[in-house]
C-alpha atoms as a PDB file:
ATOM      1  CA  MET A   1     -17.868  30.368  45.699  1.00  0.00           C
ATOM      2  CA  ALA A   2     -16.964  32.992  43.170  1.00  0.00           C
ATOM      3  CA  THR A   3     -17.975  32.172  39.552  1.00  0.00           C
ATOM      4  CA  LEU A   4     -17.492  33.512  36.203  1.00  0.00           C
ATOM      5  CA  GLY A   5     -20.247  33.414  33.550  1.00  0.00           C
ATOM      6  CA  ILE A   6     -22.728  30.717  32.656  1.00  0.00           C
ATOM      7  CA  ALA A   7     -21.722  27.987  30.131  1.00  0.00           C
ATOM      8  CA  GLY A   8     -24.910  25.981  29.786  1.00  0.00           C
ATOM      9  CA  ALA A   9     -27.219  23.333  31.593  1.00  0.00           C
ATOM     10  CA  LYS A  10     -28.800  20.113  31.193  1.00  0.00           C
ATOM     11  CA  LEU A  11     -32.383  19.380  32.135  1.00  0.00           C
ATOM     12  CA  ALA A  12     -34.424  16.171  32.783  1.00  0.00           C
ATOM     13  CA  LEU A  13     -37.712  15.059  34.101  1.00  0.00           C
ATOM     14  CA  VAL A  14     -37.254  12.681  37.069  1.00  0.00           C
ATOM     15  CA  ASP A  15     -39.619  10.443  38.976  1.00  0.00           C
ATOM     16  CA  LYS A  16     -40.326  10.650  42.913  1.00  0.00           C
ATOM     17  CA  ASN A  17     -36.903   8.998  43.591  1.00  0.00           C
ATOM     18  CA  GLY A  18     -35.140  11.246  41.324  1.00  0.00           C
ATOM     19  CA  ASN A  19     -34.424   8.612  38.414  1.00  0.00           C
ATOM     20  CA  VAL A  20     -34.491  10.199  34.825  1.00  0.00           C
ATOM     21  CA  LEU A  21     -37.360   9.534  32.744  1.00  0.00           C
ATOM     22  CA  THR A  22     -36.982   8.816  29.105  1.00  0.00           C
ATOM     23  CA  GLY A  23     -38.992   8.306  26.066  1.00  0.00           C
ATOM     24  CA  ALA A  24     -42.737   9.056  26.103  1.00  0.00           C
ATOM     25  CA  ASN A  25     -42.449   9.876  29.822  1.00  0.00           C
ATOM     26  CA  GLY A  26     -39.337  12.097  29.686  1.00  0.00           C
ATOM     27  CA  ILE A  27     -38.487  15.503  28.908  1.00  0.00           C
ATOM     28  CA  PHE A  28     -38.781  14.794  25.027  1.00  0.00           C
ATOM     29  CA  LYS A  29     -42.338  13.490  25.476  1.00  0.00           C
ATOM     30  CA  TYR A  30     -44.100  16.235  23.348  1.00  0.00           C
ATOM     31  CA  THR A  31     -41.522  15.710  20.402  1.00  0.00           C
ATOM     32  CA  ASP A  32     -40.652  13.462  17.764  1.00  0.00           C
ATOM     33  CA  GLN A  33     -37.463  12.639  19.613  1.00  0.00           C
ATOM     34  CA  ALA A  34     -39.390  10.691  22.208  1.00  0.00           C
ATOM     35  CA  THR A  35     -39.391   7.529  20.210  1.00  0.00           C
ATOM     36  CA  THR A  36     -35.535   7.450  19.961  1.00  0.00           C
ATOM     37  CA  ASP A  37     -34.618   9.189  23.396  1.00  0.00           C
ATOM     38  CA  THR A  38     -32.508   7.065  25.744  1.00  0.00           C
ATOM     39  CA  THR A  39     -30.825   9.610  27.962  1.00  0.00           C
ATOM     40  CA  GLY A  40     -33.958  11.882  29.055  1.00  0.00           C
ATOM     41  CA  ILE A  41     -31.681  14.681  29.147  1.00  0.00           C
ATOM     42  CA  PHE A  42     -31.970  17.935  27.163  1.00  0.00           C
ATOM     43  CA  ASP A  43     -29.026  20.103  26.673  1.00  0.00           C
ATOM     44  CA  VAL A  44     -29.540  23.949  27.010  1.00  0.00           C
ATOM     45  CA  THR A  45     -26.957  25.250  24.327  1.00  0.00           C
ATOM     46  CA  VAL A  46     -26.705  28.054  21.981  1.00  0.00           C
ATOM     47  CA  ASP A  47     -27.853  25.729  19.064  1.00  0.00           C
ATOM     48  CA  THR A  48     -30.926  24.534  20.980  1.00  0.00           C
ATOM     49  CA  SER A  49     -32.069  27.392  22.992  1.00  0.00           C
ATOM     50  CA  PHE A  50     -30.006  30.355  22.126  1.00  0.00           C
ATOM     51  CA  GLY A  51     -28.095  29.759  25.395  1.00  0.00           C
ATOM     52  CA  LEU A  52     -28.785  30.186  28.943  1.00  0.00           C
ATOM     53  CA  ALA A  53     -28.931  33.762  30.381  1.00  0.00           C
ATOM     54  CA  SER A  54     -28.805  33.244  34.188  1.00  0.00           C
ATOM     55  CA  VAL A  55     -29.167  30.685  37.070  1.00  0.00           C
ATOM     56  CA  ALA A  56     -30.383  32.179  40.263  1.00  0.00           C
ATOM     57  CA  LEU A  57     -30.321  30.051  43.572  1.00  0.00           C
ATOM     58  CA  THR A  58     -32.156  31.378  46.681  1.00  0.00           C
ATOM     59  CA  ASN A  59     -33.304  30.210  50.040  1.00  0.00           C
ATOM     60  CA  LEU A  60     -30.219  27.884  50.307  1.00  0.00           C
ATOM     61  CA  PHE A  61     -29.919  28.383  54.165  1.00  0.00           C
ATOM     62  CA  GLY A  62     -32.791  28.775  56.484  1.00  0.00           C
ATOM     63  CA  THR A  63     -32.726  31.687  59.259  1.00  0.00           C
ATOM     64  CA  THR A  64     -31.158  31.354  62.597  1.00  0.00           C
ATOM     65  CA  THR A  65     -32.963  31.841  66.033  1.00  0.00           C
ATOM     66  CA  ASP A  66     -31.252  33.153  69.103  1.00  0.00           C
ATOM     67  CA  ILE A  67     -31.198  31.032  72.105  1.00  0.00           C
ATOM     68  CA  TYR A  68     -30.484  32.673  75.493  1.00  0.00           C
ATOM     69  CA  GLY A  69     -29.494  31.108  78.784  1.00  0.00           C
ATOM     70  CA  ASN A  70     -28.137  32.787  81.898  1.00  0.00           C
ATOM     71  CA  ASN A  71     -28.450  36.125  80.282  1.00  0.00           C
ATOM     72  CA  LYS A  72     -26.298  35.198  77.569  1.00  0.00           C
ATOM     73  CA  LEU A  73     -26.494  34.166  73.880  1.00  0.00           C
ATOM     74  CA  VAL A  74     -25.686  30.531  74.122  1.00  0.00           C
ATOM     75  CA  TYR A  75     -26.699  28.819  70.879  1.00  0.00           C
ATOM     76  CA  LYS A  76     -28.082  29.654  67.291  1.00  0.00           C
ATOM     77  CA  SER A  77     -30.961  27.393  66.397  1.00  0.00           C
ATOM     78  CA  ALA A  78     -30.508  26.988  62.365  1.00  0.00           C
ATOM     79  CA  GLY A  79     -33.559  26.475  60.401  1.00  0.00           C
ATOM     80  CA  LYS A  80     -33.629  24.670  56.999  1.00  0.00           C
ATOM     81  CA  GLY A  81     -33.914  26.573  53.803  1.00  0.00           C
ATOM     82  CA  ALA A  82     -36.363  25.752  51.088  1.00  0.00           C
ATOM     83  CA  ALA A  83     -34.174  25.995  48.220  1.00  0.00           C
ATOM     84  CA  GLN A  84     -35.231  27.622  44.848  1.00  0.00           C
ATOM     85  CA  SER A  85     -33.691  28.016  41.432  1.00  0.00           C
ATOM     86  CA  VAL A  86     -34.821  30.328  38.651  1.00  0.00           C
ATOM     87  CA  LEU A  87     -33.475  29.359  35.066  1.00  0.00           C
ATOM     88  CA  THR A  88     -33.422  32.059  32.511  1.00  0.00           C
ATOM     89  CA  ILE A  89     -33.154  30.636  29.086  1.00  0.00           C
ATOM     90  CA  ASN A  90     -33.202  32.713  25.886  1.00  0.00           C
ATOM     91  CA  SER A  91     -35.364  30.601  23.815  1.00  0.00           C
ATOM     92  CA  LEU A  92     -36.400  27.007  25.281  1.00  0.00           C
ATOM     93  CA  PRO A  93     -38.069  25.041  22.731  1.00  0.00           C
ATOM     94  CA  ASN A  94     -41.820  25.239  23.279  1.00  0.00           C
ATOM     95  CA  GLU A  95     -42.326  21.446  23.709  1.00  0.00           C
ATOM     96  CA  ILE A  96     -39.521  21.107  26.026  1.00  0.00           C
ATOM     97  CA  LYS A  97     -40.716  23.974  28.110  1.00  0.00           C
ATOM     98  CA  MET A  98     -44.282  22.462  28.237  1.00  0.00           C
ATOM     99  CA  ALA A  99     -42.744  19.349  29.346  1.00  0.00           C
ATOM    100  CA  VAL A 100     -40.699  21.098  32.175  1.00  0.00           C
ATOM    101  CA  LEU A 101     -43.737  22.857  33.469  1.00  0.00           C
ATOM    102  CA  GLY A 102     -45.880  19.805  33.387  1.00  0.00           C
ATOM    103  CA  MET A 103     -48.631  21.229  31.161  1.00  0.00           C
ATOM    104  CA  PRO A 104     -50.919  18.721  29.588  1.00  0.00           C
ATOM    105  CA  SER A 105     -51.021  18.321  25.759  1.00  0.00           C
ATOM    106  CA  ASP A 106     -54.257  18.044  23.850  1.00  0.00           C
ATOM    107  CA  GLY A 107     -52.350  16.342  21.032  1.00  0.00           C
ATOM    108  CA  LYS A 108     -53.179  19.016  18.641  1.00  0.00           C
ATOM    109  CA  GLY A 109     -50.538  21.545  19.359  1.00  0.00           C
ATOM    110  CA  GLY A 110     -52.594  22.981  22.518  1.00  0.00           C
ATOM    111  CA  PHE A 111     -51.073  22.763  26.059  1.00  0.00           C
ATOM    112  CA  THR A 112     -53.769  23.495  29.064  1.00  0.00           C
ATOM    113  CA  ILE A 113     -52.891  26.390  31.491  1.00  0.00           C
ATOM    114  CA  SER A 114     -54.130  24.801  34.523  1.00  0.00           C
ATOM    115  CA  GLY A 115     -53.241  27.649  36.963  1.00  0.00           C
ATOM    116  CA  LYS A 116     -51.138  25.403  39.371  1.00  0.00           C
ATOM    117  CA  ALA A 117     -47.930  23.801  39.334  1.00  0.00           C
ATOM    118  CA  ASP A 118     -47.923  19.872  38.830  1.00  0.00           C
ATOM    119  CA  PRO A 119     -46.277  18.677  41.992  1.00  0.00           C
ATOM    120  CA  ASN A 120     -45.682  15.133  40.301  1.00  0.00           C
ATOM    121  CA  ASN A 121     -43.863  16.681  37.428  1.00  0.00           C
ATOM    122  CA  ARG A 122     -40.326  16.966  38.824  1.00  0.00           C
ATOM    123  CA  VAL A 123     -37.133  18.527  37.184  1.00  0.00           C
ATOM    124  CA  ALA A 124     -33.395  18.037  37.680  1.00  0.00           C
ATOM    125  CA  PHE A 125     -30.729  20.224  36.249  1.00  0.00           C
ATOM    126  CA  LEU A 126     -26.970  20.531  36.065  1.00  0.00           C
ATOM    127  CA  ALA A 127     -25.602  24.189  35.463  1.00  0.00           C
ATOM    128  CA  GLU A 128     -21.934  24.917  34.312  1.00  0.00           C
ATOM    129  CA  SER A 129     -20.223  27.987  35.339  1.00  0.00           C
ATOM    130  CA  ALA A 130     -16.373  28.617  35.978  1.00  0.00           C
ATOM    131  CA  GLU A 131     -14.211  29.884  38.660  1.00  0.00           C
ATOM    132  CA  SER A 132     -14.211  33.555  38.768  1.00  0.00           C
ATOM    133  CA  PHE A 133     -10.537  34.075  37.706  1.00  0.00           C
ATOM    134  CA  ASP A 134     -10.111  30.930  35.545  1.00  0.00           C
ATOM    135  CA  ILE A 135     -12.546  30.160  32.993  1.00  0.00           C
ATOM    136  CA  ASN A 136     -10.810  26.815  32.330  1.00  0.00           C
ATOM    137  CA  LYS A 137     -11.890  25.564  35.559  1.00  0.00           C
ATOM    138  CA  PRO A 138     -15.587  24.655  35.447  1.00  0.00           C
ATOM    139  CA  VAL A 139     -17.857  24.769  38.296  1.00  0.00           C
ATOM    140  CA  TYR A 140     -21.088  23.040  38.355  1.00  0.00           C
ATOM    141  CA  ILE A 141     -24.378  23.224  40.496  1.00  0.00           C
ATOM    142  CA  GLY A 142     -26.548  20.271  40.338  1.00  0.00           C
ATOM    143  CA  MET A 143     -30.066  20.012  41.733  1.00  0.00           C
ATOM    144  CA  TYR A 144     -31.775  16.694  42.030  1.00  0.00           C
ATOM    145  CA  MET A 145     -35.529  17.421  41.646  1.00  0.00           C
ATOM    146  CA  GLY A 146     -38.109  20.160  42.070  1.00  0.00           C
ATOM    147  CA  THR A 147     -41.407  21.432  40.752  1.00  0.00           C
ATOM    148  CA  ALA A 148     -41.257  23.877  37.904  1.00  0.00           C
ATOM    149  CA  SER A 149     -43.499  26.880  37.330  1.00  0.00           C
ATOM    150  CA  GLU A 150     -43.845  30.153  35.317  1.00  0.00           C
ATOM    151  CA  ALA A 151     -45.729  32.655  37.260  1.00  0.00           C
ATOM    152  CA  SER A 152     -45.859  35.124  34.404  1.00  0.00           C
ATOM    153  CA  HIS A 153     -44.937  35.880  30.782  1.00  0.00           C
ATOM    154  CA  THR A 154     -45.214  39.341  29.267  1.00  0.00           C
ATOM    155  CA  LEU A 155     -45.759  39.856  25.357  1.00  0.00           C
ATOM    156  CA  THR A 156     -44.536  43.345  24.348  1.00  0.00           C
ATOM    157  CA  SER A 157     -44.869  45.016  21.031  1.00  0.00           C
ATOM    158  CA  ASN A 158     -41.816  45.754  18.938  1.00  0.00           C
ATOM    159  CA  ASN A 159     -40.816  49.303  18.407  1.00  0.00           C
ATOM    160  CA  ALA A 160     -37.542  50.699  17.069  1.00  0.00           C
ATOM    161  CA  ALA A 161     -36.013  47.563  18.796  1.00  0.00           C
ATOM    162  CA  ASP A 162     -37.084  44.134  19.063  1.00  0.00           C
ATOM    163  CA  ASN A 163     -38.856  43.184  22.260  1.00  0.00           C
ATOM    164  CA  ARG A 164     -38.250  39.577  23.225  1.00  0.00           C
ATOM    165  CA  ALA A 165     -39.216  37.863  26.408  1.00  0.00           C
ATOM    166  CA  GLN A 166     -37.124  35.048  27.907  1.00  0.00           C
ATOM    167  CA  ASP A 167     -38.090  31.822  29.408  1.00  0.00           C
ATOM    168  CA  ALA A 168     -37.980  32.245  33.191  1.00  0.00           C
ATOM    169  CA  ILE A 169     -38.635  28.919  34.843  1.00  0.00           C
ATOM    170  CA  THR A 170     -38.731  28.763  38.685  1.00  0.00           C
ATOM    171  CA  ILE A 171     -37.922  25.410  40.245  1.00  0.00           C
ATOM    172  CA  ALA A 172     -38.976  24.872  43.798  1.00  0.00           C
ATOM    173  CA  GLN A 173     -36.527  22.341  44.939  1.00  0.00           C
ATOM    174  CA  LEU A 174     -37.269  19.035  46.809  1.00  0.00           C
ATOM    175  CA  GLU A 175     -34.881  16.883  48.636  1.00  0.00           C
ATOM    176  CA  ARG A 176     -34.022  13.562  47.246  1.00  0.00           C
ATOM    177  CA  GLY A 177     -34.046  11.328  50.121  1.00  0.00           C
ATOM    178  CA  ASP A 178     -30.980  11.677  52.361  1.00  0.00           C
ATOM    179  CA  ASP A 179     -28.951  13.348  49.477  1.00  0.00           C
ATOM    180  CA  GLY A 180     -30.443  16.803  50.168  1.00  0.00           C
ATOM    181  CA  PHE A 181     -31.348  19.284  47.372  1.00  0.00           C
ATOM    182  CA  GLY A 182     -28.241  18.915  45.304  1.00  0.00           C
ATOM    183  CA  LYS A 183     -24.480  19.618  45.096  1.00  0.00           C
ATOM    184  CA  TYR A 184     -21.723  21.851  43.950  1.00  0.00           C
ATOM    185  CA  PHE A 185     -19.078  20.222  41.824  1.00  0.00           C
ATOM    186  CA  PHE A 186     -15.518  21.809  41.404  1.00  0.00           C
ATOM    187  CA  SER A 187     -13.460  20.535  38.464  1.00  0.00           C
ATOM    188  CA  SER A 188     -10.425  21.836  40.349  1.00  0.00           C
ATOM    189  CA  ALA A 189     -10.839  19.352  43.058  1.00  0.00           C
ATOM    190  CA  SER A 190      -8.228  16.742  43.134  1.00  0.00           C
ATOM    191  CA  LYS A 191     -10.631  13.744  42.472  1.00  0.00           C
ATOM    192  CA  PHE A 192     -13.260  15.363  40.349  1.00  0.00           C
ATOM    193  CA  ASP A 193     -14.982  12.810  38.399  1.00  0.00           C
ATOM    194  CA  ASN A 194     -17.133  14.146  35.484  1.00  0.00           C
ATOM    195  CA  SER A 195     -19.027  10.602  34.928  1.00  0.00           C
ATOM    196  CA  ALA A 196     -19.665  10.429  38.644  1.00  0.00           C
ATOM    197  CA  MET A 197     -21.109  14.049  38.763  1.00  0.00           C
ATOM    198  CA  LEU A 198     -23.678  13.181  35.865  1.00  0.00           C
ATOM    199  CA  SER A 199     -24.380   9.846  37.423  1.00  0.00           C
ATOM    200  CA  ASP A 200     -25.141  11.715  40.572  1.00  0.00           C
ATOM    201  CA  VAL A 201     -27.287  14.282  39.330  1.00  0.00           C
ATOM    202  CA  PHE A 202     -29.095  12.251  36.471  1.00  0.00           C
ATOM    203  CA  LYS A 203     -29.251   8.746  38.224  1.00  0.00           C
ATOM    204  CA  THR A 204     -31.337   5.984  36.644  1.00  0.00           C
ATOM    205  CA  ALA A 205     -33.647   3.329  38.138  1.00  0.00           C
ATOM    206  CA  THR A 206     -31.301   0.514  36.855  1.00  0.00           C
ATOM    207  CA  THR A 207     -28.599   0.879  39.284  1.00  0.00           C
ATOM    208  CA  GLY A 208     -29.141   4.341  41.020  1.00  0.00           C
ATOM    209  CA  THR A 209     -25.918   5.674  39.822  1.00  0.00           C
ATOM    210  CA  THR A 210     -25.406   5.048  36.038  1.00  0.00           C
ATOM    211  CA  THR A 211     -24.304   7.879  33.938  1.00  0.00           C
ATOM    212  CA  GLY A 212     -27.259   9.748  32.256  1.00  0.00           C
ATOM    213  CA  SER A 213     -25.366  11.471  29.577  1.00  0.00           C
ATOM    214  CA  GLY A 214     -21.928  12.841  28.423  1.00  0.00           C
ATOM    215  CA  GLN A 215     -20.754  16.154  29.104  1.00  0.00           C
END
């Protein structure tokens, strides 16, 4: 899969079954929007976050082990990968970032640095790129759920140039039942359905496949 650029992403908090959480339990829980939120989905756009810089996926496949018999290499035992994603966002809103990381709020603008990721705070995302030689054909990567963390954050003094630190969020992916870690979606596929894609990545507890948000 050859890709061209990054056009944005959507983020949501989900429960242990991968259903999107909304309102006071969702990604807007530390904002005034919690009282009106019905989708539970945050759009990473130029307007909301100065855009998405990159999405890096690693450990998508496990290693293989050689199996020998009769002095010949007869089989490859395939191990399972522990998929991981790193989303680098130019300026994720503070309250959204704290919700994604699962940091508890003291209700007075403070968020506890607990020193460990909250395994019960799970994040789903859908990122948009494009085919490498046709920017008009979007390519999507959707990951169903994972535990988010930020291992480090460095503040650097300004000098002749501004020194900004981006928000690099690492998400250790979990499998959603028998659905796996997530899916690739190609708009060029003959039966591509944008609504079905959103329903798949951002499912709801009501039906399990209700659309979470428009694209």
